[in-house]
Amino acid sequence: MELGIKCYNPNCTAPLGIFFWRSAPEGVLAEPFEPGANSFIVKCPFCNMDNAVWVKKVRLEKVGFGVPLAPE
């Protein structure tokens, strides 16, 4: 799963200022300090700006196709 991240740099050259991060295979973006969320610093591949990102894991059901159903 890829997460689209809006770069903090207003002059970032990423299309629409958004880059994609693949390092969160079972996660969704979360609000800062949301219960169950962890923070990461992700470097934008377009402008090298450090971006603080909050990610919360989602629960995957073993029934069906493993579609994320709800945040843990």
N, C-alpha and C. Protein backbone atom coordinates (compact mmCIF):
# COMPACT_ATOMS: atom_id res chain seq x y z
N MET A 1 0.85 -1.18 0.00
CA MET A 1 0.00 0.00 0.00
C MET A 1 0.89 1.24 0.00
N GLU A 2 0.54 2.20 -0.80
CA GLU A 2 1.27 3.46 -0.83
C GLU A 2 0.42 4.54 -0.17
N LEU A 3 1.08 5.40 0.56
CA LEU A 3 0.39 6.54 1.17
C LEU A 3 0.82 7.80 0.45
N GLY A 4 -0.13 8.61 0.05
CA GLY A 4 0.17 9.90 -0.56
C GLY A 4 0.42 10.93 0.53
N ILE A 5 1.56 11.59 0.47
CA ILE A 5 1.95 12.54 1.51
C ILE A 5 2.16 13.91 0.88
N LYS A 6 1.50 14.91 1.44
CA LYS A 6 1.67 16.29 0.99
C LYS A 6 2.94 16.83 1.63
N CYS A 7 3.90 17.21 0.81
CA CYS A 7 5.19 17.70 1.31
C CYS A 7 5.01 19.04 2.02
N TYR A 8 5.75 19.22 3.12
CA TYR A 8 5.71 20.48 3.88
C TYR A 8 6.31 21.65 3.10
N ASN A 9 7.18 21.36 2.13
CA ASN A 9 7.86 22.40 1.38
C ASN A 9 6.90 23.02 0.35
N PRO A 10 6.55 24.30 0.48
CA PRO A 10 5.62 24.91 -0.48
C PRO A 10 6.20 25.01 -1.89
N ASN A 11 7.52 24.88 -2.02
CA ASN A 11 8.17 24.94 -3.33
C ASN A 11 8.58 23.57 -3.86
N CYS A 12 8.03 22.51 -3.28
CA CYS A 12 8.37 21.15 -3.69
C CYS A 12 8.00 20.94 -5.16
N THR A 13 8.83 20.19 -5.87
CA THR A 13 8.60 19.94 -7.29
C THR A 13 7.78 18.68 -7.55
N ALA A 14 7.34 17.99 -6.51
CA ALA A 14 6.48 16.82 -6.70
C ALA A 14 5.16 17.26 -7.34
N PRO A 15 4.56 16.42 -8.17
CA PRO A 15 3.27 16.79 -8.78
C PRO A 15 2.24 17.12 -7.70
N LEU A 16 1.71 18.34 -7.73
CA LEU A 16 0.75 18.85 -6.73
C LEU A 16 1.34 18.85 -5.32
N GLY A 17 2.66 18.71 -5.21
CA GLY A 17 3.31 18.70 -3.90
C GLY A 17 3.12 17.40 -3.14
N ILE A 18 2.67 16.36 -3.83
CA ILE A 18 2.38 15.07 -3.18
C ILE A 18 3.35 14.01 -3.68
N PHE A 19 3.94 13.26 -2.73
CA PHE A 19 4.78 12.12 -3.09
C PHE A 19 4.21 10.89 -2.40
N PHE A 20 4.62 9.72 -2.87
CA PHE A 20 4.08 8.47 -2.34
C PHE A 20 5.14 7.73 -1.54
N TRP A 21 4.70 7.13 -0.44
CA TRP A 21 5.58 6.41 0.49
C TRP A 21 5.07 5.00 0.62
N ARG A 22 5.91 4.02 0.37
CA ARG A 22 5.52 2.61 0.42
C ARG A 22 5.88 1.92 1.73
N SER A 23 6.48 2.61 2.65
CA SER A 23 6.99 1.97 3.87
C SER A 23 5.94 1.71 4.93
N ALA A 24 4.68 1.82 4.60
CA ALA A 24 3.61 1.57 5.56
C ALA A 24 2.62 0.58 4.94
N PRO A 25 2.99 -0.71 4.89
CA PRO A 25 2.17 -1.67 4.14
C PRO A 25 0.77 -1.89 4.68
N GLU A 26 0.53 -1.72 5.95
CA GLU A 26 -0.80 -1.96 6.50
C GLU A 26 -1.24 -0.77 7.33
N GLY A 27 -1.02 0.42 6.83
CA GLY A 27 -1.34 1.60 7.62
C GLY A 27 -2.13 2.63 6.85
N VAL A 28 -2.71 3.54 7.62
CA VAL A 28 -3.42 4.69 7.06
C VAL A 28 -2.88 5.94 7.75
N LEU A 29 -2.97 7.06 7.08
CA LEU A 29 -2.54 8.31 7.70
C LEU A 29 -3.43 8.62 8.89
N ALA A 30 -2.85 9.19 9.93
CA ALA A 30 -3.58 9.49 11.16
C ALA A 30 -3.29 10.92 11.59
N GLU A 31 -4.07 11.38 12.54
CA GLU A 31 -3.86 12.70 13.12
C GLU A 31 -2.72 12.62 14.14
N PRO A 32 -1.97 13.71 14.33
CA PRO A 32 -0.91 13.69 15.35
C PRO A 32 -1.46 13.30 16.73
N PHE A 33 -0.74 12.42 17.39
CA PHE A 33 -1.03 11.94 18.74
C PHE A 33 -2.34 11.15 18.82
N GLU A 34 -2.89 10.70 17.70
CA GLU A 34 -4.08 9.86 17.71
C GLU A 34 -3.73 8.54 18.39
N PRO A 35 -4.61 7.99 19.24
CA PRO A 35 -4.32 6.71 19.89
C PRO A 35 -4.00 5.63 18.86
N GLY A 36 -2.91 4.92 19.09
CA GLY A 36 -2.48 3.85 18.20
C GLY A 36 -1.64 4.30 17.02
N ALA A 37 -1.42 5.60 16.88
CA ALA A 37 -0.64 6.12 15.75
C ALA A 37 0.83 6.27 16.13
N ASN A 38 1.69 6.08 15.16
CA ASN A 38 3.13 6.26 15.34
C ASN A 38 3.61 7.32 14.37
N SER A 39 4.62 8.07 14.78
CA SER A 39 5.15 9.12 13.91
C SER A 39 6.43 8.65 13.23
N PHE A 40 6.63 9.14 12.02
CA PHE A 40 7.81 8.84 11.23
C PHE A 40 8.27 10.13 10.57
N ILE A 41 9.55 10.21 10.29
CA ILE A 41 10.08 11.30 9.47
C ILE A 41 10.37 10.69 8.10
N VAL A 42 9.71 11.24 7.09
CA VAL A 42 9.84 10.73 5.73
C VAL A 42 10.44 11.82 4.86
N LYS A 43 11.52 11.51 4.18
CA LYS A 43 12.20 12.48 3.31
C LYS A 43 11.53 12.47 1.94
N CYS A 44 11.14 13.65 1.48
CA CYS A 44 10.54 13.79 0.15
C CYS A 44 11.59 13.46 -0.91
N PRO A 45 11.29 12.56 -1.84
CA PRO A 45 12.27 12.22 -2.87
C PRO A 45 12.46 13.32 -3.92
N PHE A 46 11.59 14.33 -3.92
CA PHE A 46 11.69 15.41 -4.90
C PHE A 46 12.53 16.58 -4.40
N CYS A 47 12.37 16.95 -3.12
CA CYS A 47 13.07 18.14 -2.62
C CYS A 47 13.92 17.88 -1.37
N ASN A 48 13.92 16.65 -0.87
CA ASN A 48 14.69 16.24 0.32
C ASN A 48 14.20 16.86 1.62
N MET A 49 13.01 17.41 1.65
CA MET A 49 12.45 17.98 2.88
C MET A 49 12.01 16.84 3.80
N ASP A 50 12.32 16.95 5.10
CA ASP A 50 11.84 15.99 6.09
C ASP A 50 10.39 16.31 6.41
N ASN A 51 9.53 15.29 6.35
CA ASN A 51 8.10 15.44 6.62
C ASN A 51 7.71 14.53 7.77
N ALA A 52 7.06 15.09 8.78
CA ALA A 52 6.55 14.28 9.89
C ALA A 52 5.23 13.67 9.44
N VAL A 53 5.13 12.35 9.59
CA VAL A 53 3.95 11.61 9.15
C VAL A 53 3.47 10.75 10.30
N TRP A 54 2.17 10.75 10.54
CA TRP A 54 1.55 9.90 11.56
C TRP A 54 0.79 8.79 10.85
N VAL A 55 1.07 7.54 11.24
CA VAL A 55 0.46 6.38 10.61
C VAL A 55 -0.14 5.48 11.68
N LYS A 56 -1.32 4.96 11.37
CA LYS A 56 -2.01 4.05 12.27
C LYS A 56 -2.21 2.74 11.53
N LYS A 57 -1.89 1.63 12.18
CA LYS A 57 -2.08 0.32 11.56
C LYS A 57 -3.56 0.02 11.43
N VAL A 58 -3.91 -0.76 10.41
CA VAL A 58 -5.29 -1.20 10.26
C VAL A 58 -5.34 -2.70 10.50
N ARG A 59 -6.50 -3.14 10.93
CA ARG A 59 -6.72 -4.56 11.20
C ARG A 59 -7.10 -5.23 9.89
N LEU A 60 -6.44 -6.33 9.57
CA LEU A 60 -6.77 -7.08 8.36
C LEU A 60 -7.51 -8.34 8.74
N GLU A 61 -8.62 -8.59 8.10
CA GLU A 61 -9.39 -9.81 8.33
C GLU A 61 -8.80 -10.93 7.48
N LYS A 62 -8.81 -12.14 8.01
CA LYS A 62 -8.30 -13.28 7.26
C LYS A 62 -9.36 -13.82 6.30
N VAL A 63 -10.60 -13.40 6.47
CA VAL A 63 -11.69 -13.83 5.60
C VAL A 63 -11.71 -12.93 4.38
N GLY A 64 -12.00 -13.47 3.21
CA GLY A 64 -12.08 -12.66 2.00
C GLY A 64 -10.70 -12.37 1.45
N PHE A 65 -10.51 -11.16 1.01
CA PHE A 65 -9.28 -10.79 0.33
C PHE A 65 -8.33 -9.99 1.21
N GLY A 66 -8.56 -9.95 2.51
CA GLY A 66 -7.67 -9.21 3.39
C GLY A 66 -7.81 -7.71 3.26
N VAL A 67 -9.01 -7.27 2.98
CA VAL A 67 -9.27 -5.84 2.82
C VAL A 67 -9.26 -5.18 4.19
N PRO A 68 -8.56 -4.06 4.34
CA PRO A 68 -8.59 -3.37 5.64
C PRO A 68 -10.02 -2.97 5.99
N LEU A 69 -10.45 -3.32 7.20
CA LEU A 69 -11.82 -3.02 7.60
C LEU A 69 -11.92 -1.82 8.50
N ALA A 70 -11.07 -1.74 9.50
CA ALA A 70 -11.19 -0.63 10.46
C ALA A 70 -9.86 -0.44 11.16
N PRO A 71 -9.59 0.78 11.59
CA PRO A 71 -8.38 1.00 12.39
C PRO A 71 -8.44 0.20 13.68
N GLU A 72 -7.28 -0.24 14.15
CA GLU A 72 -7.23 -0.98 15.42
C GLU A 72 -7.49 -0.08 16.58
